[in-house]
Protein backbone atom coordinates (compact mmCIF):
# COMPACT_ATOMS: atom_id res chain seq x y z
CA MET A 1 23.90 13.90 -46.48
CA LEU A 2 20.06 13.74 -46.22
CA ALA A 3 18.96 14.45 -49.61
CA GLN A 4 15.39 13.58 -49.54
CA LEU A 5 12.71 12.83 -46.78
CA TYR A 6 9.16 11.36 -47.64
CA ILE A 7 6.70 11.12 -45.13
CA GLU A 8 3.14 9.53 -45.42
CA ASN A 9 0.28 9.10 -42.70
CA ILE A 10 2.35 9.96 -40.07
CA ALA A 11 0.37 11.84 -37.00
CA VAL A 12 -1.17 14.93 -38.77
CA ILE A 13 1.04 14.61 -42.00
CA GLU A 14 -0.73 13.08 -45.00
CA LYS A 15 1.90 13.31 -47.53
CA CYS A 16 4.88 15.51 -47.45
CA SER A 17 8.48 15.48 -49.39
CA ILE A 18 11.08 17.82 -48.36
CA ASP A 19 14.35 18.10 -50.49
CA PHE A 20 17.03 19.20 -48.10
CA GLN A 21 20.27 21.03 -49.29
CA LYS A 22 23.76 21.05 -48.20
CA GLY A 23 24.80 23.42 -45.46
CA PHE A 24 22.55 25.10 -42.88
CA ASN A 25 18.78 23.72 -42.98
CA ILE A 26 16.35 25.71 -40.97
CA LEU A 27 13.02 24.45 -40.13
CA THR A 28 10.36 26.97 -38.39
CA GLY A 29 6.75 27.15 -37.97
CA GLU A 30 3.92 27.99 -35.22
CA THR A 31 3.92 26.04 -32.16
CA GLY A 32 2.12 22.73 -32.54
CA ALA A 33 2.47 22.99 -36.68
CA GLY A 34 4.41 19.48 -36.73
CA LYS A 35 7.92 20.43 -36.42
CA SER A 36 8.43 17.55 -33.74
CA ILE A 37 6.74 15.20 -36.23
CA VAL A 38 9.23 15.64 -38.97
CA ILE A 39 12.03 14.64 -36.49
CA ASP A 40 10.20 11.83 -35.22
CA ALA A 41 9.97 10.53 -38.55
CA ILE A 42 13.55 10.92 -39.11
CA ASN A 43 14.21 9.21 -35.77
CA ALA A 44 11.79 6.32 -37.20
CA VAL A 45 13.50 5.64 -40.31
CA LEU A 46 16.82 5.68 -38.57
CA GLY A 47 15.48 2.54 -36.37
CA GLY A 48 14.11 4.45 -33.43
CA ARG A 49 10.94 3.43 -31.47
CA ALA A 50 7.99 4.15 -33.13
CA SER A 51 4.49 2.75 -31.84
CA ARG A 52 1.47 2.19 -33.98
CA GLU A 53 -0.21 5.54 -32.44
CA ILE A 54 2.01 7.33 -34.89
CA VAL A 55 -0.10 6.05 -37.90
CA ARG A 56 -2.27 8.86 -39.24
CA SER A 57 -5.96 8.46 -38.05
CA GLY A 58 -7.95 6.54 -40.53
CA ALA A 59 -4.81 5.17 -42.36
CA LYS A 60 -3.71 1.43 -42.61
CA ALA A 61 -0.13 2.32 -42.61
CA ALA A 62 2.33 5.05 -42.17
CA SER A 63 5.55 5.21 -44.09
CA VAL A 64 9.05 7.16 -44.07
CA SER A 65 11.79 7.11 -46.65
CA ALA A 66 15.23 8.98 -46.40
CA LEU A 67 17.39 9.19 -49.45
CA PHE A 68 21.14 9.63 -48.25
CA THR A 69 23.70 10.67 -51.12
CA GLY A 70 27.48 10.50 -50.83
CA VAL A 71 27.52 7.99 -47.80
CA GLN A 72 30.93 7.86 -46.25
CA ALA A 73 33.37 5.26 -45.59
CA GLY A 74 32.03 4.12 -42.25
CA THR A 75 28.50 3.93 -43.48
CA VAL A 76 29.83 1.72 -46.23
CA ALA A 77 31.77 -0.55 -43.94
CA CYS A 78 28.72 -0.93 -41.76
CA LEU A 79 26.64 -2.16 -45.00
CA GLU A 80 29.17 -4.41 -46.03
CA GLU A 81 28.86 -5.96 -42.58
CA LEU A 82 25.26 -6.54 -42.93
CA GLY A 83 25.79 -8.05 -46.61
CA LEU A 84 24.32 -4.58 -48.00
CA ALA A 85 25.99 -1.82 -50.37
CA PRO A 86 25.02 1.60 -51.50
CA ASP A 87 23.91 1.94 -55.05
CA GLU A 88 26.19 2.55 -58.10
CA ASP A 89 26.21 6.43 -57.29
CA GLY A 90 26.80 6.16 -53.97
CA ASN A 91 23.05 6.59 -52.74
CA LEU A 92 21.49 4.77 -49.79
CA LEU A 93 17.54 4.82 -49.44
CA LEU A 94 16.28 3.82 -45.90
CA GLN A 95 12.62 2.93 -45.57
CA ARG A 96 10.35 1.84 -42.84
CA GLU A 97 6.20 1.18 -42.67
CA ILE A 98 4.43 1.21 -39.44
CA ARG A 99 1.15 -0.85 -39.90
CA ALA A 100 -1.90 0.50 -37.68
CA GLU A 101 -2.07 -3.11 -35.86
CA GLY A 102 1.67 -2.38 -34.93
CA LYS A 103 3.62 -4.60 -37.67
CA THR A 104 6.76 -2.92 -39.03
CA THR A 105 8.57 -3.48 -42.53
CA CYS A 106 11.86 -1.91 -43.11
CA ARG A 107 13.93 -1.77 -46.33
CA ILE A 108 17.68 -1.04 -46.88
CA ASN A 109 17.96 0.22 -50.92
CA GLY A 110 15.12 -2.25 -51.59
CA ARG A 111 16.05 -5.25 -49.61
CA PRO A 112 14.44 -6.43 -46.61
CA ALA A 113 16.06 -5.32 -43.38
CA THR A 114 15.20 -5.18 -39.73
CA VAL A 115 14.62 -2.19 -37.36
CA ALA A 116 18.05 -3.23 -35.58
CA MET A 117 19.77 -3.19 -39.11
CA LEU A 118 18.34 0.55 -39.59
CA ARG A 119 19.48 1.38 -36.33
CA GLU A 120 23.09 0.20 -36.93
CA VAL A 121 23.01 2.05 -40.18
CA GLY A 122 21.52 5.09 -39.09
CA VAL A 123 24.11 5.94 -36.19
CA THR A 124 26.63 6.30 -39.08
CA LEU A 125 24.63 8.67 -41.16
CA LEU A 126 23.06 11.14 -38.77
CA SER A 127 22.85 12.38 -35.24
CA ILE A 128 19.93 14.18 -33.67
CA LEU A 129 20.72 16.56 -30.76
CA GLY A 130 17.62 17.81 -29.04
CA GLN A 131 16.58 18.88 -25.27
CA HIS A 132 16.78 15.25 -24.01
CA GLU A 133 20.24 15.16 -25.21
CA SER A 134 21.51 18.48 -23.69
CA TYR A 135 20.06 17.17 -20.29
CA GLU A 136 22.11 13.99 -20.62
CA LEU A 137 24.94 16.42 -19.88
CA LEU A 138 23.56 16.36 -16.18
CA SER A 139 24.62 12.22 -16.19
CA PRO A 140 28.38 11.87 -15.21
CA GLU A 141 27.89 8.38 -17.26
CA GLN A 142 27.55 10.13 -20.53
CA HIS A 143 30.42 12.47 -19.87
CA VAL A 144 33.24 9.51 -20.45
CA GLU A 145 31.28 8.63 -23.65
CA TYR A 146 32.12 12.36 -25.15
CA VAL A 147 35.62 12.22 -23.46
CA ASP A 148 36.22 8.77 -25.34
CA SER A 149 34.70 9.69 -28.57
CA PHE A 150 36.77 12.77 -28.69
CA GLY A 151 39.77 11.01 -28.08
CA GLY A 152 39.04 8.32 -30.46
CA LEU A 153 39.32 5.78 -27.47
CA GLU A 154 36.47 3.57 -28.77
CA ASP A 155 38.65 0.58 -30.05
CA LEU A 156 40.93 0.64 -27.17
CA ARG A 157 37.70 0.56 -24.56
CA GLN A 158 36.13 -2.11 -26.75
CA GLN A 159 39.17 -4.34 -26.18
CA TYR A 160 39.15 -3.44 -22.51
CA GLY A 161 35.53 -4.17 -22.38
CA GLN A 162 36.39 -7.80 -23.81
CA VAL A 163 39.04 -8.75 -21.51
CA TYR A 164 37.13 -7.17 -18.32
CA THR A 165 34.06 -9.46 -19.38
CA ARG A 166 36.03 -12.44 -19.50
CA LEU A 167 37.87 -11.49 -16.37
CA ARG A 168 34.37 -11.18 -14.44
CA ALA A 169 33.30 -14.69 -15.73
CA VAL A 170 36.47 -16.57 -14.76
CA LYS A 171 35.92 -14.75 -11.38
CA LYS A 172 32.62 -15.96 -10.99
CA GLU A 173 33.45 -19.52 -12.19
CA TRP A 174 36.46 -19.54 -9.76
CA ASP A 175 34.27 -18.01 -6.83
CA SER A 176 31.80 -21.13 -7.35
CA LEU A 177 34.61 -23.62 -6.71
CA LEU A 178 36.03 -22.12 -3.66
CA MET A 179 34.22 -23.78 -0.94
CA ASP A 180 35.69 -24.93 2.62
CA GLU A 181 36.83 -28.59 2.93
CA ASN A 182 33.82 -29.39 5.27
CA GLN A 183 31.29 -27.88 3.02
CA LYS A 184 32.77 -29.79 -0.05
CA ALA A 185 33.13 -33.10 2.07
CA ARG A 186 29.51 -32.91 3.15
CA ARG A 187 28.56 -32.18 -0.62
CA MET A 188 30.67 -35.15 -1.70
CA ASP A 189 28.95 -37.70 0.53
CA LEU A 190 25.60 -36.62 -0.39
CA LEU A 191 26.19 -36.99 -3.79
CA ARG A 192 27.91 -40.25 -3.33
CA TYR A 193 24.55 -41.38 -1.42
CA GLN A 194 22.22 -40.17 -4.27
CA ILE A 195 24.24 -41.74 -7.00
CA GLU A 196 24.69 -45.13 -5.25
CA GLU A 197 20.81 -45.14 -4.34
CA LEU A 198 19.82 -44.24 -7.90
CA GLU A 199 22.19 -46.81 -9.11
CA ALA A 200 20.84 -49.46 -6.75
CA GLY A 201 17.31 -48.68 -8.38
CA ALA A 202 18.77 -49.81 -11.66
CA ILE A 203 15.73 -47.60 -13.11
CA GLN A 204 14.41 -48.31 -16.66
CA PRO A 205 12.22 -45.81 -18.75
CA GLY A 206 8.84 -47.25 -18.82
CA GLU A 207 9.13 -49.65 -16.08
CA GLN A 208 6.44 -48.02 -13.56
CA GLU A 209 3.91 -48.35 -15.97
CA GLU A 210 4.44 -51.81 -17.20
CA LEU A 211 4.62 -52.89 -13.31
CA SER A 212 1.37 -50.99 -12.76
CA GLN A 213 -0.20 -53.14 -15.66
CA GLN A 214 1.23 -56.47 -13.96
CA ARG A 215 -0.10 -55.58 -10.52
CA ALA A 216 -3.61 -54.67 -11.96
CA LEU A 217 -3.59 -58.11 -13.72
CA PHE A 218 -2.48 -60.10 -10.62
CA ARG A 219 -5.03 -58.07 -8.36
CA ASN A 220 -8.06 -59.08 -10.43
CA SER A 221 -6.57 -62.35 -11.84
CA GLU A 222 -9.78 -64.40 -10.33
CA LYS A 223 -12.28 -62.35 -12.47
CA VAL A 224 -10.00 -62.57 -15.35
CA ALA A 225 -9.93 -66.05 -14.99
CA GLU A 226 -13.60 -66.58 -14.67
CA SER A 227 -14.11 -64.37 -17.89
CA ILE A 228 -11.84 -66.61 -19.62
CA VAL A 229 -13.89 -69.63 -18.68
CA SER A 230 -16.90 -68.22 -19.74
CA ALA A 231 -15.88 -66.90 -22.88
CA LYS A 232 -14.38 -70.66 -23.71
CA ASN A 233 -17.64 -72.15 -22.76
CA ALA A 234 -19.63 -70.15 -25.01
CA LEU A 235 -17.34 -70.82 -27.94
CA ASP A 236 -16.63 -74.50 -27.37
CA GLY A 237 -19.61 -75.56 -25.14
CA ASP A 238 -19.81 -77.69 -22.26
CA GLU A 239 -21.52 -81.12 -21.28
CA GLU A 240 -25.10 -79.71 -21.67
CA THR A 241 -24.75 -77.14 -24.32
CA ALA A 242 -23.00 -76.95 -27.99
CA GLY A 243 -20.89 -73.96 -28.19
CA ALA A 244 -20.62 -71.12 -30.99
CA VAL A 245 -18.46 -72.99 -32.97
CA THR A 246 -20.22 -76.18 -33.27
CA ALA A 247 -23.50 -74.17 -33.91
CA VAL A 248 -22.07 -72.09 -36.58
CA GLY A 249 -20.58 -75.04 -38.23
CA ALA A 250 -23.57 -77.22 -38.05
CA ALA A 251 -25.49 -73.93 -39.85
CA ALA A 252 -22.78 -73.90 -42.42
CA ASP A 253 -23.09 -77.69 -43.25
CA ALA A 254 -27.06 -77.53 -43.61
CA LEU A 255 -26.90 -74.54 -45.91
CA GLU A 256 -24.18 -76.27 -47.96
CA ALA A 257 -26.54 -79.16 -48.59
CA ALA A 258 -29.32 -76.93 -49.37
CA ALA A 259 -27.39 -75.19 -51.71
CA SER A 260 -27.17 -77.90 -54.09
CA PHE A 261 -30.87 -77.44 -54.98
CA LEU A 262 -30.89 -73.64 -54.11
CA PRO A 263 -27.51 -72.30 -55.37
CA SER A 264 -28.12 -68.78 -54.04
CA LEU A 265 -27.55 -70.01 -50.40
CA THR A 266 -23.82 -70.58 -51.43
CA GLY A 267 -22.62 -67.63 -50.65
CA THR A 268 -24.14 -67.44 -47.33
CA ALA A 269 -22.82 -70.95 -46.29
CA GLN A 270 -19.33 -69.79 -47.37
CA LYS A 271 -19.87 -66.81 -44.96
CA LEU A 272 -20.91 -69.31 -42.24
CA ARG A 273 -18.12 -71.46 -42.76
CA ASP A 274 -15.63 -68.56 -42.79
CA LEU A 275 -17.05 -67.40 -39.43
CA GLU A 276 -16.69 -71.11 -37.81
CA TYR A 277 -12.91 -70.69 -38.93
CA GLY A 278 -12.57 -67.44 -37.25
CA LEU A 279 -14.15 -68.61 -33.98
CA GLN A 280 -12.06 -71.83 -34.08
CA ASP A 281 -9.27 -69.12 -34.08
CA CYS A 282 -10.46 -67.12 -31.31
CA LEU A 283 -11.18 -70.13 -29.16
CA GLU A 284 -7.72 -71.36 -29.75
CA GLU A 285 -6.56 -67.55 -28.48
CA VAL A 286 -8.80 -67.99 -25.15
CA ARG A 287 -7.23 -71.29 -24.34
CA ASP A 288 -3.58 -69.99 -24.88
CA ALA A 289 -4.57 -67.27 -22.64
CA GLU A 290 -6.03 -69.73 -20.07
CA GLU A 291 -2.94 -71.67 -19.88
CA THR A 292 -0.60 -68.63 -19.64
CA LEU A 293 -2.76 -67.21 -16.95
CA GLU A 294 -1.34 -68.18 -13.40
CA TYR A 295 -1.65 -66.42 -10.17
CA ASP A 296 1.58 -66.27 -8.24
CA PRO A 297 1.57 -64.46 -4.97
CA ALA A 298 5.52 -64.38 -4.84
CA ARG A 299 5.49 -62.27 -8.08
CA LEU A 300 2.78 -60.01 -7.09
CA GLU A 301 4.71 -59.10 -3.90
CA GLN A 302 7.98 -58.53 -6.04
CA VAL A 303 5.96 -56.22 -8.22
CA GLU A 304 4.58 -54.28 -5.34
CA ASN A 305 7.89 -54.01 -3.77
CA ARG A 306 9.48 -52.81 -7.09
CA LEU A 307 6.57 -50.12 -7.36
CA ASP A 308 7.21 -49.05 -3.84
CA GLN A 309 10.91 -48.61 -4.14
CA LEU A 310 10.43 -46.68 -7.53
CA TYR A 311 7.74 -44.38 -5.77
CA ARG A 312 10.16 -43.64 -2.77
CA LEU A 313 12.96 -42.83 -5.32
CA SER A 314 10.47 -40.43 -7.34
CA LEU A 315 9.47 -38.54 -4.46
CA LYS A 316 13.50 -37.62 -3.83
CA TYR A 317 14.69 -37.15 -7.47
CA GLY A 318 11.77 -36.84 -9.96
CA SER A 319 8.36 -38.16 -10.98
CA THR A 320 9.20 -40.01 -13.98
CA GLU A 321 12.05 -42.39 -14.86
CA GLU A 322 13.44 -39.98 -17.33
CA GLU A 323 13.51 -37.24 -14.38
CA MET A 324 15.41 -39.49 -11.94
CA LEU A 325 18.02 -40.73 -14.63
CA GLU A 326 18.38 -36.90 -15.34
CA PHE A 327 19.06 -36.39 -11.53
CA LEU A 328 21.66 -38.81 -11.64
CA GLU A 329 23.38 -37.60 -14.68
CA LYS A 330 23.98 -34.22 -13.02
CA SER A 331 24.87 -35.61 -9.73
CA ARG A 332 27.52 -37.72 -11.27
CA SER A 333 28.84 -34.55 -13.04
CA GLU A 334 28.81 -32.45 -10.23
CA LEU A 335 30.84 -34.92 -8.17
CA LEU A 336 33.30 -35.20 -10.69
CA THR A 337 33.48 -31.55 -11.18
CA ILE A 338 34.03 -31.30 -7.01
CA GLN A 339 36.55 -34.01 -7.24
CA LEU A 340 38.60 -32.06 -9.86
CA SER A 341 37.86 -28.69 -8.41
CA ASP A 342 40.99 -28.03 -6.89
CA GLU A 343 42.96 -28.42 -10.28
CA LYS A 344 40.18 -26.56 -12.01
CA ALA A 345 40.49 -23.60 -9.41
CA GLN A 346 44.31 -23.61 -9.97
CA GLU A 347 43.78 -23.23 -13.86
CA LEU A 348 41.22 -20.51 -13.27
CA GLU A 349 43.11 -18.59 -10.73
CA ALA A 350 46.08 -18.33 -13.24
CA GLU A 351 43.54 -17.28 -15.96
CA TYR A 352 42.06 -14.79 -13.54
CA GLU A 353 45.57 -13.36 -12.79
CA SER A 354 46.28 -13.20 -16.25
CA CYS A 355 43.05 -11.72 -17.20
CA LYS A 356 43.43 -9.06 -14.53
CA GLU A 357 47.06 -7.94 -15.24
CA GLN A 358 45.74 -7.57 -19.15
CA ALA A 359 42.69 -5.60 -17.98
CA ILE A 360 44.98 -3.40 -15.78
CA GLN A 361 47.53 -2.39 -18.60
CA LEU A 362 44.28 -1.62 -20.77
CA ALA A 363 42.79 0.44 -18.02
CA LYS A 364 45.83 2.50 -17.53
CA SER A 365 46.28 2.88 -21.38
CA LEU A 366 42.93 3.86 -21.65
CA SER A 367 43.12 6.06 -18.58
CA ALA A 368 46.29 8.01 -20.04
CA GLY A 369 44.37 8.37 -23.19
CA ARG A 370 41.54 9.77 -21.47
CA ARG A 371 43.45 12.32 -19.52
CA LYS A 372 45.25 13.65 -22.75
CA ALA A 373 42.03 13.97 -24.29
CA ALA A 374 40.02 15.47 -21.43
CA GLY A 375 42.67 18.25 -21.25
CA GLU A 376 42.28 18.96 -24.94
CA LEU A 377 38.58 18.79 -24.88
CA ALA A 378 37.94 20.93 -21.79
CA SER A 379 40.39 23.84 -23.98
CA ARG A 380 38.39 23.52 -27.06
CA VAL A 381 35.05 23.54 -25.35
CA ARG A 382 35.84 26.90 -23.09
CA GLU A 383 36.94 28.29 -26.65
CA GLU A 384 33.63 27.60 -28.22
CA LEU A 385 32.03 28.88 -24.88
CA VAL A 386 33.66 32.12 -25.10
CA PHE A 387 32.20 32.29 -28.83
CA LEU A 388 28.83 31.50 -27.62
CA ASP A 389 28.63 34.41 -24.87
CA MET A 390 29.74 32.61 -22.07
CA PRO A 391 33.17 34.09 -21.40
CA ASN A 392 33.21 33.76 -17.70
CA VAL A 393 32.47 30.06 -17.69
CA GLU A 394 35.05 27.47 -16.45
CA PHE A 395 35.03 24.08 -17.68
CA GLN A 396 36.76 21.35 -16.58
CA VAL A 397 37.07 17.66 -16.79
CA GLU A 398 37.37 15.89 -13.52
CA GLN A 399 38.88 12.50 -13.81
CA LEU A 400 39.48 10.17 -10.69
CA ARG A 401 40.96 6.68 -10.27
CA CYS A 402 38.36 4.14 -9.32
CA PRO A 403 38.31 0.52 -8.94
CA LEU A 404 38.01 -1.72 -12.39
CA ASN A 405 34.63 -1.35 -13.93
CA PRO A 406 33.03 -2.01 -17.55
CA LEU A 407 34.42 1.32 -18.42
CA GLY A 408 38.17 1.24 -17.03
CA CYS A 409 39.42 2.55 -13.99
CA ASP A 410 38.21 6.05 -14.28
CA LYS A 411 35.57 8.37 -12.77
CA ILE A 412 34.70 11.40 -15.15
CA GLN A 413 32.53 14.08 -14.68
CA PHE A 414 32.39 17.64 -16.23
CA LEU A 415 32.57 20.57 -13.67
CA LEU A 416 31.49 23.94 -14.44
CA SER A 417 31.62 27.41 -12.97
CA THR A 418 29.34 30.15 -14.39
CA ASN A 419 30.66 33.31 -12.53
CA PRO A 420 34.11 34.31 -11.81
CA GLY A 421 35.69 33.54 -8.41
CA GLU A 422 33.06 30.76 -7.77
CA PRO A 423 34.85 27.16 -7.53
CA VAL A 424 33.82 24.44 -10.37
CA ARG A 425 30.98 22.05 -9.42
CA PRO A 426 29.33 19.28 -11.12
CA MET A 427 27.12 20.34 -13.89
CA SER A 428 24.03 19.35 -12.59
CA LYS A 429 24.18 21.63 -9.66
CA ILE A 430 24.72 24.41 -11.81
CA ALA A 431 24.00 24.86 -15.27
CA SER A 432 20.44 26.10 -16.35
CA GLY A 433 18.42 25.15 -19.51
CA GLY A 434 19.94 27.97 -21.86
CA GLU A 435 23.46 27.01 -20.50
CA LEU A 436 23.22 23.47 -21.07
CA SER A 437 22.12 23.95 -24.74
CA ARG A 438 25.04 25.91 -25.41
CA ILE A 439 27.45 23.62 -23.71
CA MET A 440 25.97 20.94 -25.82
CA LEU A 441 26.50 22.68 -28.87
CA ALA A 442 29.97 23.47 -27.65
CA ILE A 443 30.65 19.91 -27.31
CA LYS A 444 29.29 19.06 -30.44
CA THR A 445 30.96 21.52 -32.23
CA VAL A 446 34.32 20.16 -30.71
CA LEU A 447 33.18 16.42 -31.47
CA SER A 448 32.10 16.96 -35.06
CA ALA A 449 35.90 17.51 -36.05
CA THR A 450 36.65 14.01 -35.13
CA ASP A 451 33.38 12.07 -35.96
CA GLN A 452 32.56 11.11 -39.70
CA ILE A 453 28.80 11.68 -39.54
CA GLU A 454 27.58 13.98 -42.50
CA THR A 455 24.22 15.17 -41.12
CA LEU A 456 23.56 16.91 -37.76
CA ILE A 457 19.84 17.67 -36.35
CA PHE A 458 19.74 20.21 -33.86
CA ASP A 459 15.94 20.09 -32.42
CA GLU A 460 15.27 23.29 -30.60
CA VAL A 461 18.54 23.53 -28.69
CA ASP A 462 18.08 27.50 -28.76
CA THR A 463 15.69 26.65 -25.86
CA GLY A 464 16.24 29.61 -22.80
CA ILE A 465 18.61 31.67 -25.01
CA SER A 466 17.86 35.00 -26.71
CA GLY A 467 19.55 38.29 -27.89
CA SER A 468 23.29 38.06 -28.88
CA ALA A 469 23.33 34.48 -27.33
CA ALA A 470 21.09 33.40 -30.10
CA ARG A 471 23.04 35.16 -32.52
CA LYS A 472 26.33 33.41 -31.50
CA VAL A 473 24.35 30.01 -31.28
CA GLY A 474 23.25 30.52 -34.82
CA LEU A 475 26.60 31.66 -36.14
CA LYS A 476 28.24 28.44 -34.54
CA LEU A 477 25.62 26.10 -36.34
CA GLN A 478 26.45 28.10 -39.63
CA GLN A 479 30.11 27.41 -39.12
CA VAL A 480 29.56 23.76 -38.51
CA SER A 481 27.00 23.68 -41.57
CA GLN A 482 30.34 24.62 -43.64
CA ASN A 483 31.65 20.96 -43.21
CA ARG A 484 28.66 19.05 -43.08
CA GLN A 485 24.99 19.18 -43.45
CA VAL A 486 22.93 20.85 -40.44
CA LEU A 487 19.20 20.53 -39.87
CA CYS A 488 17.90 22.87 -37.10
CA VAL A 489 14.25 23.44 -35.52
CA THR A 490 14.14 26.94 -34.26
CA HIS A 491 11.99 29.47 -32.93
CA LEU A 492 14.47 32.26 -33.20
CA ALA A 493 14.60 34.70 -35.94
CA GLN A 494 18.51 35.26 -35.12
CA ILE A 495 19.10 31.55 -36.23
CA ALA A 496 16.60 31.13 -38.93
CA ALA A 497 18.07 34.32 -40.64
CA LEU A 498 21.51 32.34 -41.11
CA ALA A 499 20.08 29.56 -43.42
CA ASP A 500 21.08 28.18 -46.82
CA ALA A 501 17.81 26.71 -47.00
CA HIS A 502 14.59 27.63 -44.99
CA PHE A 503 11.59 25.26 -44.89
CA LEU A 504 7.92 26.47 -43.31
CA ILE A 505 5.98 24.09 -41.42
CA SER A 506 2.37 24.52 -41.27
CA LYS A 507 -1.00 22.95 -40.79
CA THR A 508 -4.47 23.81 -41.99
CA ILE A 509 -7.79 22.32 -40.81
CA GLU A 510 -10.13 20.89 -44.05
CA GLU A 511 -13.42 19.28 -43.10
CA HIS A 512 -12.60 18.62 -39.48
CA LYS A 513 -9.27 16.98 -40.24
CA THR A 514 -5.66 18.56 -39.59
CA PHE A 515 -3.13 18.60 -42.28
CA THR A 516 0.70 19.54 -41.77
CA GLN A 517 2.54 20.84 -44.83
CA VAL A 518 6.35 21.38 -45.26
CA ARG A 519 7.26 23.71 -48.00
CA PRO A 520 10.65 25.56 -48.76
CA LEU A 521 10.68 29.30 -48.82
CA ASP A 522 11.83 31.84 -51.10
CA PHE A 523 13.48 35.04 -50.33
CA GLU A 524 10.26 36.63 -49.78
CA GLY A 525 8.88 33.86 -48.11
CA ARG A 526 11.62 33.86 -45.63
CA LYS A 527 11.21 37.62 -44.88
CA GLY A 528 7.52 37.15 -44.26
CA GLU A 529 8.25 33.93 -41.55
CA ILE A 530 11.32 35.84 -40.06
CA ALA A 531 9.03 38.66 -39.48
CA ARG A 532 6.31 36.47 -37.98
CA ILE A 533 8.91 35.05 -35.63
CA MET A 534 9.96 38.54 -34.47
CA GLY A 535 6.54 39.98 -34.28
CA GLY A 536 3.80 37.32 -34.00
CA THR A 537 0.76 37.99 -35.94
CA GLU A 538 1.06 41.63 -37.06
CA ILE A 539 3.68 42.05 -39.54
CA THR A 540 4.99 45.51 -40.11
CA PRO A 541 6.80 46.79 -42.86
CA LEU A 542 9.54 47.59 -40.32
CA LEU A 543 9.50 44.21 -39.29
CA LEU A 544 9.79 43.13 -42.91
CA GLN A 545 12.51 45.39 -43.72
CA ASN A 546 14.71 44.02 -40.49
CA ALA A 547 14.25 40.39 -41.50
CA GLU A 548 15.33 41.41 -44.91
CA GLU A 549 18.45 43.00 -43.31
CA MET A 550 18.98 40.08 -41.08
CA ILE A 551 18.88 37.46 -43.94
CA LEU A 552 21.26 39.67 -46.05
CA ALA A 553 23.77 39.71 -43.11
CA GLY A 554 23.33 35.95 -42.90
CA GLN A 555 24.60 35.31 -46.25
CA LYS A 556 27.83 36.53 -45.67
CA LYS A 557 29.74 33.70 -44.47
CA PRO A 558 32.14 34.55 -41.84
């Protein structure tokens, strides 16, 4: 059960610690006091959506901690799949911090976790039922979920879902191979032509760049030759002038002669000599370049033709050699697939028929289980509705056969008639807000006998009801709380008076800031709060007396 909830800097709650009890826990307070914030905090620590706007104004981060004691086997199994476990006392601590900049940090028993992990564990610990969930009753898609949950059909439906998913995948692959012979022949001819053209191209990565460089050299060979001759003449000299090699060598000779009389010139002479050797090496390289440089018009034409061929191929198959080669491999693979398509299609057809037969059998088993569960669920819900002051309501579960779909072969929806003599009709066309709340409570009461969730939260499920119906709803919630923990946010005194533990949510304004507090009420506090709910701002002795009588009557368990 949820033993303790700690909230810090969430909306108008600065700091708050709530110690819940076993049985029936009630939360009341003025409208706008912050009751929904407590529920939002619980939802957040269980992995629900929580935006950074939830952080209290001026705070750097908001945090929620929820301590669960005596966790059940389903939760333990879920934790084991995540590589976690309760502590040695069977307790589980969930924590979530939401920073103002939007970052979220989660922990499970002190170990780092993700929001998805909180959500996965949370669904095994607690269930929240509010007005939104009541209106889910208007959606037939939700009805099949209730029937399957009541009938314990989740494993069978999961098994069917896996087979159905495979069935659809095989059908899609099979359909992709089923083309007519003319279409197949045309596609194969095109692929063969593309493959032959690319293979004839003998494409090599980097070839275009290399050929472009050769073409640029050939086109500018005259300029290159002139530059080489100029460089060679500058280094080696010509008939009229000495080159740089000769000049530097002569300078080195002169300084070496002078160094015998002026030793300080020895280093300079050596530098010039080294420079002479370096210039000689340069001269040799220039001569080598001159010998290798030759202009061949035939070779230029070959390069031009090859570049043109690669360009034309690139327009069809990709701008780079790598893209063209990738296109070639894909074409080869597709051609092979088509060539083997008849054989592959036969294999897929056989697998499809096998999956289809298996899916049909599982769908029939699922349908039979639903039919049995639907009848019992309708009967049990009708019993609960009679108790909840809806004795004339006719509740049925309609189950119609439909083509195979992800949920089986059934179309299920709840039908309702609220007045004697009227035919049953889809719930969305009949039920009012107050009726929806009671129907949902009846369904949850019936389902609670089969699920293992220890804590149920009812968030203002009393909307639209009053009088004896409110009393009956309270008694039903009290009855449910005998086997599990129930938390209920309510505005009705008839329900609040039945609580095992009563918490008052109130807000104050200090220095232009709003603060929400949650505190447990003793007997006198409960009297005052229930009297306030009944009478508003003016609490009279008679209201207090009536509140006391309601509380004492509520302590007598049915």
